[in-house]
C-alpha atoms as a PDB file:
ATOM      1  CA  MET A   1     255.244  69.545  73.477  1.00  0.00           C
ATOM      2  CA  PRO A   2     254.792  68.952  69.731  1.00  0.00           C
ATOM      3  CA  CYS A   3     251.825  70.679  68.159  1.00  0.00           C
ATOM      4  CA  PRO A   4     248.968  68.212  67.701  1.00  0.00           C
ATOM      5  CA  ALA A   5     247.489  67.815  64.260  1.00  0.00           C
ATOM      6  CA  ALA A   6     244.354  69.736  63.397  1.00  0.00           C
ATOM      7  CA  THR A   7     242.630  66.374  63.049  1.00  0.00           C
ATOM      8  CA  ASP A   8     243.294  65.678  66.758  1.00  0.00           C
ATOM      9  CA  VAL A   9     241.502  68.909  67.627  1.00  0.00           C
ATOM     10  CA  GLN A  10     238.618  68.073  65.282  1.00  0.00           C
ATOM     11  CA  VAL A  11     238.258  64.568  66.726  1.00  0.00           C
ATOM     12  CA  ARG A  12     238.148  65.975  70.265  1.00  0.00           C
ATOM     13  CA  ALA A  13     235.712  68.747  69.267  1.00  0.00           C
ATOM     14  CA  HIS A  14     233.427  66.160  67.656  1.00  0.00           C
ATOM     15  CA  SER A  15     233.649  63.979  70.776  1.00  0.00           C
ATOM     16  CA  LEU A  16     232.674  66.907  73.008  1.00  0.00           C
ATOM     17  CA  ALA A  17     229.829  67.994  70.726  1.00  0.00           C
ATOM     18  CA  ALA A  18     228.471  64.441  70.683  1.00  0.00           C
ATOM     19  CA  ARG A  19     227.837  64.775  74.445  1.00  0.00           C
ATOM     20  CA  ALA A  20     225.662  67.863  73.973  1.00  0.00           C
ATOM     21  CA  THR A  21     221.879  67.877  73.965  1.00  0.00           C
ATOM     22  CA  VAL A  22     221.944  69.494  70.501  1.00  0.00           C
ATOM     23  CA  PRO A  23     225.266  68.383  68.966  1.00  0.00           C
ATOM     24  CA  ASP A  24     224.891  70.330  65.709  1.00  0.00           C
ATOM     25  CA  ALA A  25     223.918  73.681  67.249  1.00  0.00           C
ATOM     26  CA  PHE A  26     226.220  76.604  66.466  1.00  0.00           C
ATOM     27  CA  ASP A  27     226.918  77.238  70.161  1.00  0.00           C
ATOM     28  CA  THR A  28     227.755  73.589  70.808  1.00  0.00           C
ATOM     29  CA  ARG A  29     230.162  73.445  67.877  1.00  0.00           C
ATOM     30  CA  LEU A  30     231.730  76.782  68.857  1.00  0.00           C
ATOM     31  CA  PHE A  31     232.438  75.833  72.469  1.00  0.00           C
ATOM     32  CA  ALA A  32     233.543  72.312  71.505  1.00  0.00           C
ATOM     33  CA  GLN A  33     236.092  73.788  69.085  1.00  0.00           C
ATOM     34  CA  LEU A  34     237.317  76.431  71.557  1.00  0.00           C
ATOM     35  CA  VAL A  35     237.811  73.888  74.342  1.00  0.00           C
ATOM     36  CA  ALA A  36     239.262  71.142  72.129  1.00  0.00           C
ATOM     37  CA  ALA A  37     241.862  73.491  70.635  1.00  0.00           C
ATOM     38  CA  ARG A  38     243.326  74.238  74.064  1.00  0.00           C
ATOM     39  CA  GLU A  39     242.697  70.838  75.672  1.00  0.00           C
ATOM     40  CA  VAL A  40     244.503  68.843  72.964  1.00  0.00           C
ATOM     41  CA  ARG A  41     247.530  71.114  73.341  1.00  0.00           C
ATOM     42  CA  GLY A  42     247.530  70.887  77.140  1.00  0.00           C
ATOM     43  CA  GLU A  43     246.797  74.624  77.344  1.00  0.00           C
ATOM     44  CA  LEU A  44     243.431  74.798  79.092  1.00  0.00           C
ATOM     45  CA  HIS A  45     244.653  77.710  81.220  1.00  0.00           C
ATOM     46  CA  TRP A  46     244.742  79.801  78.011  1.00  0.00           C
ATOM     47  CA  LEU A  47     240.943  79.598  77.875  1.00  0.00           C
ATOM     48  CA  GLY A  48     240.847  82.142  80.686  1.00  0.00           C
ATOM     49  CA  LEU A  49     238.396  80.053  82.715  1.00  0.00           C
ATOM     50  CA  ASP A  50     239.078  79.028  86.292  1.00  0.00           C
ATOM     51  CA  ASP A  51     238.305  75.480  87.437  1.00  0.00           C
ATOM     52  CA  THR A  52     234.786  76.405  88.606  1.00  0.00           C
ATOM     53  CA  ARG A  53     233.877  78.085  85.307  1.00  0.00           C
ATOM     54  CA  LEU A  54     235.378  75.233  83.266  1.00  0.00           C
ATOM     55  CA  ARG A  55     233.347  72.658  85.212  1.00  0.00           C
ATOM     56  CA  ALA A  56     230.191  74.743  84.773  1.00  0.00           C
ATOM     57  CA  LEU A  57     230.839  75.048  81.023  1.00  0.00           C
ATOM     58  CA  TYR A  58     231.210  71.278  80.708  1.00  0.00           C
ATOM     59  CA  ALA A  59     228.026  70.696  82.740  1.00  0.00           C
ATOM     60  CA  ARG A  60     226.096  73.188  80.573  1.00  0.00           C
ATOM     61  CA  ARG A  61     227.460  72.325  77.163  1.00  0.00           C
ATOM     62  CA  PHE A  62     228.792  68.746  77.403  1.00  0.00           C
ATOM     63  CA  PRO A  63     226.766  66.937  80.087  1.00  0.00           C
ATOM     64  CA  GLY A  64     228.179  63.572  81.031  1.00  0.00           C
ATOM     65  CA  GLU A  65     231.678  64.470  79.844  1.00  0.00           C
ATOM     66  CA  PRO A  66     233.997  64.675  82.841  1.00  0.00           C
ATOM     67  CA  PRO A  67     235.785  68.035  82.781  1.00  0.00           C
ATOM     68  CA  PRO A  68     239.562  68.037  82.913  1.00  0.00           C
ATOM     69  CA  SER A  69     241.304  69.694  85.826  1.00  0.00           C
ATOM     70  CA  LEU A  70     243.276  72.847  85.281  1.00  0.00           C
ATOM     71  CA  THR A  71     246.965  72.575  86.063  1.00  0.00           C
ATOM     72  CA  MET A  72     247.304  76.335  86.540  1.00  0.00           C
ATOM     73  CA  PRO A  73     244.941  79.284  86.895  1.00  0.00           C
ATOM     74  CA  PRO A  74     244.273  81.653  83.998  1.00  0.00           C
ATOM     75  CA  ARG A  75     246.531  84.683  83.675  1.00  0.00           C
ATOM     76  CA  GLU A  76     244.544  87.853  84.341  1.00  0.00           C
ATOM     77  CA  THR A  77     245.832  91.206  83.122  1.00  0.00           C
ATOM     78  CA  GLY A  78     244.396  94.697  82.972  1.00  0.00           C
ATOM     79  CA  PHE A  79     243.787  94.069  79.283  1.00  0.00           C
ATOM     80  CA  THR A  80     241.914  90.769  79.744  1.00  0.00           C
ATOM     81  CA  LEU A  81     239.775  92.188  82.531  1.00  0.00           C
ATOM     82  CA  GLY A  82     238.995  95.317  80.513  1.00  0.00           C
ATOM     83  CA  LEU A  83     238.219  93.462  77.287  1.00  0.00           C
ATOM     84  CA  HIS A  84     236.031  90.983  79.166  1.00  0.00           C
ATOM     85  CA  ARG A  85     233.982  93.856  80.628  1.00  0.00           C
ATOM     86  CA  HIS A  86     233.850  95.580  77.229  1.00  0.00           C
ATOM     87  CA  LEU A  87     232.524  92.464  75.500  1.00  0.00           C
ATOM     88  CA  ILE A  88     229.975  91.812  78.253  1.00  0.00           C
ATOM     89  CA  ALA A  89     228.680  95.376  77.822  1.00  0.00           C
ATOM     90  CA  HIS A  90     227.619  94.267  74.310  1.00  0.00           C
ATOM     91  CA  ARG A  91     226.195  90.885  75.367  1.00  0.00           C
ATOM     92  CA  ASN A  92     223.170  89.514  73.555  1.00  0.00           C
ATOM     93  CA  PRO A  93     220.504  89.301  76.305  1.00  0.00           C
ATOM     94  CA  ALA A  94     218.672  86.543  74.408  1.00  0.00           C
ATOM     95  CA  LEU A  95     221.574  84.119  74.951  1.00  0.00           C
ATOM     96  CA  SER A  96     222.956  82.437  78.049  1.00  0.00           C
ATOM     97  CA  ALA A  97     224.746  84.963  80.263  1.00  0.00           C
ATOM     98  CA  ASP A  98     227.147  82.214  81.359  1.00  0.00           C
ATOM     99  CA  ASP A  99     228.018  81.311  77.762  1.00  0.00           C
ATOM    100  CA  ALA A 100     228.568  84.980  76.893  1.00  0.00           C
ATOM    101  CA  ASP A 101     230.736  85.451  79.981  1.00  0.00           C
ATOM    102  CA  ASP A 102     232.829  82.390  79.153  1.00  0.00           C
ATOM    103  CA  LEU A 103     233.213  83.412  75.509  1.00  0.00           C
ATOM    104  CA  ALA A 104     234.253  86.935  76.543  1.00  0.00           C
ATOM    105  CA  ARG A 105     236.933  85.464  78.833  1.00  0.00           C
ATOM    106  CA  ILE A 106     238.121  83.068  76.134  1.00  0.00           C
ATOM    107  CA  ILE A 107     238.399  85.848  73.538  1.00  0.00           C
ATOM    108  CA  ALA A 108     240.147  88.224  75.961  1.00  0.00           C
ATOM    109  CA  HIS A 109     242.740  85.592  76.868  1.00  0.00           C
ATOM    110  CA  ALA A 110     243.279  84.613  73.228  1.00  0.00           C
ATOM    111  CA  CYS A 111     244.346  88.240  72.678  1.00  0.00           C
ATOM    112  CA  LEU A 112     247.391  87.525  74.861  1.00  0.00           C
ATOM    113  CA  ARG A 113     248.644  84.994  72.314  1.00  0.00           C
ATOM    114  CA  PRO A 114     250.831  85.933  69.310  1.00  0.00           C
ATOM    115  CA  ASP A 115     248.759  85.101  66.245  1.00  0.00           C
ATOM    116  CA  HIS A 116     245.555  86.050  64.451  1.00  0.00           C
ATOM    117  CA  LEU A 117     242.581  85.801  66.807  1.00  0.00           C
ATOM    118  CA  TRP A 118     240.924  82.988  64.871  1.00  0.00           C
ATOM    119  CA  LYS A 119     244.103  80.906  65.120  1.00  0.00           C
ATOM    120  CA  ASP A 120     244.564  81.673  68.810  1.00  0.00           C
ATOM    121  CA  LEU A 121     240.970  80.564  69.407  1.00  0.00           C
ATOM    122  CA  GLY A 122     241.508  77.358  67.427  1.00  0.00           C
ATOM    123  CA  LEU A 123     238.862  78.266  64.847  1.00  0.00           C
ATOM    124  CA  ALA A 124     238.890  77.625  61.098  1.00  0.00           C
ATOM    125  CA  GLY A 125     239.052  81.258  59.999  1.00  0.00           C
ATOM    126  CA  ARG A 126     238.140  84.895  60.494  1.00  0.00           C
ATOM    127  CA  GLU A 127     234.491  84.249  59.585  1.00  0.00           C
ATOM    128  CA  ASP A 128     234.133  81.969  62.621  1.00  0.00           C
ATOM    129  CA  VAL A 129     235.189  84.857  64.864  1.00  0.00           C
ATOM    130  CA  THR A 130     232.803  87.178  63.032  1.00  0.00           C
ATOM    131  CA  GLN A 131     229.887  84.767  63.539  1.00  0.00           C
ATOM    132  CA  ALA A 132     230.638  84.323  67.246  1.00  0.00           C
ATOM    133  CA  LEU A 133     230.938  88.081  67.812  1.00  0.00           C
ATOM    134  CA  GLN A 134     227.746  88.808  65.863  1.00  0.00           C
ATOM    135  CA  ARG A 135     225.815  86.190  67.815  1.00  0.00           C
ATOM    136  CA  TYR A 136     227.088  86.894  71.322  1.00  0.00           C
ATOM    137  CA  PHE A 137     228.072  90.579  71.162  1.00  0.00           C
ATOM    138  CA  PRO A 138     225.825  92.151  68.491  1.00  0.00           C
ATOM    139  CA  GLY A 139     226.591  95.666  67.394  1.00  0.00           C
ATOM    140  CA  LEU A 140     230.269  95.324  68.213  1.00  0.00           C
ATOM    141  CA  PRO A 141     231.397  93.656  64.965  1.00  0.00           C
ATOM    142  CA  GLU A 142     229.421  96.137  62.884  1.00  0.00           C
ATOM    143  CA  ARG A 143     231.666  98.908  64.226  1.00  0.00           C
ATOM    144  CA  ASN A 144     234.660  97.310  62.512  1.00  0.00           C
ATOM    145  CA  THR A 145     233.954  99.387  59.409  1.00  0.00           C
ATOM    146  CA  THR A 146     237.574  99.381  58.221  1.00  0.00           C
ATOM    147  CA  HIS A 147     237.785  95.574  58.405  1.00  0.00           C
ATOM    148  CA  MET A 148     240.667  95.521  60.869  1.00  0.00           C
ATOM    149  CA  ARG A 149     241.849  92.147  62.035  1.00  0.00           C
ATOM    150  CA  TRP A 150     239.656  91.161  64.975  1.00  0.00           C
ATOM    151  CA  LYS A 151     242.343  91.246  67.642  1.00  0.00           C
ATOM    152  CA  LYS A 152     243.448  94.714  66.546  1.00  0.00           C
ATOM    153  CA  PHE A 153     239.846  95.935  66.333  1.00  0.00           C
ATOM    154  CA  LEU A 154     238.955  94.673  69.814  1.00  0.00           C
ATOM    155  CA  ALA A 155     242.035  96.321  71.321  1.00  0.00           C
ATOM    156  CA  TYR A 156     241.317  99.587  69.504  1.00  0.00           C
ATOM    157  CA  ASP A 157     237.616  99.517  70.381  1.00  0.00           C
ATOM    158  CA  LEU A 158     238.444  98.913  74.041  1.00  0.00           C
ATOM    159  CA  ALA A 159     240.892 101.836  74.008  1.00  0.00           C
ATOM    160  CA  ALA A 160     238.286 104.091  72.372  1.00  0.00           C
ATOM    161  CA  ALA A 161     235.685 103.099  74.970  1.00  0.00           C
ATOM    162  CA  ARG A 162     238.172 104.028  77.699  1.00  0.00           C
ATOM    163  CA  GLY A 163     239.081 107.320  76.024  1.00  0.00           C
ATOM    164  CA  GLU A 164     242.655 106.118  75.525  1.00  0.00           C
ATOM    165  CA  ALA A 165     245.013 106.135  72.571  1.00  0.00           C
ATOM    166  CA  PRO A 166     244.796 103.000  70.421  1.00  0.00           C
ATOM    167  CA  ALA A 167     247.169 100.172  71.250  1.00  0.00           C
ATOM    168  CA  PRO A 168     247.775  96.671  69.933  1.00  0.00           C
ATOM    169  CA  ALA A 169     246.519  93.733  71.983  1.00  0.00           C
ATOM    170  CA  PRO A 170     249.252  92.270  74.220  1.00  0.00           C
ATOM    171  CA  GLY A 171     249.822  89.299  71.888  1.00  0.00           C
ATOM    172  CA  CYS A 172     250.077  91.363  68.698  1.00  0.00           C
ATOM    173  CA  PRO A 173     253.839  92.066  68.765  1.00  0.00           C
ATOM    174  CA  GLY A 174     254.567  88.325  68.476  1.00  0.00           C
ATOM    175  CA  CYS A 175     252.408  87.888  65.364  1.00  0.00           C
ATOM    176  CA  GLU A 176     253.934  87.452  61.915  1.00  0.00           C
ATOM    177  CA  ALA A 177     251.542  90.138  60.585  1.00  0.00           C
ATOM    178  CA  TYR A 178     252.444  92.701  63.269  1.00  0.00           C
ATOM    179  CA  ARG A 179     254.341  95.055  60.918  1.00  0.00           C
ATOM    180  CA  GLY A 180     251.411  95.024  58.493  1.00  0.00           C
ATOM    181  CA  CYS A 181     248.959  95.995  61.223  1.00  0.00           C
ATOM    182  CA  PHE A 182     251.289  98.418  62.975  1.00  0.00           C
ATOM    183  CA  PRO A 183     253.806  99.862  60.493  1.00  0.00           C
ATOM    184  CA  GLN A 184     257.117 101.090  61.868  1.00  0.00           C
ATOM    185  CA  GLY A 185     256.802 104.639  63.082  1.00  0.00           C
ATOM    186  CA  SER A 186     253.079 104.401  63.729  1.00  0.00           C
ATOM    187  CA  ASP A 187     252.005 106.084  66.932  1.00  0.00           C
ATOM    188  CA  ILE A 188     251.034 103.162  69.141  1.00  0.00           C
ATOM    189  CA  ARG A 189     251.422 102.419  72.801  1.00  0.00           C
ATOM    190  CA  ARG A 190     251.518  99.202  74.798  1.00  0.00           C
ATOM    191  CA  TRP A 191     248.966  97.976  77.335  1.00  0.00           C
ATOM    192  CA  ALA A 192     250.186  98.189  80.888  1.00  0.00           C
END
């Protein structure tokens, strides 16, 4: 399938946001962009949400917009399950638990893809990831004191929380910047 233009994603994100109670709210725009990026490409399963969670997200965020059906279930791995739990442990209690849970799943599954996290999420840049993490999982982004790329930081932070050696996220080896993040000869392991 050819890659749709960024304008297709923006048009769909705007259409979704227009269905929200507060179309210009940060959370509305964030979820509209995350969903549109995968929906336009026919890759909804990469969101990491099952059919029930996707329908609930649409009902919560985009009322009146019929949710699409998933053609396949999300791919769960030890990494996605672990990162989801790790993110939820840092959840902002002032925000919707369902939104935080969905965002944690979406971020964890984006780490399976082979590009920078912001690109794999369908966002405009690194700052969008930073804003989402600061809002939904406060305290976590502030620990990225060496300004690692977000996907690398999340994988390393998860490993540290587990008392394990650092490892790249599963999607990292396919990224064009992999050798910059993980120079040849560096002592890294792979997620099982």
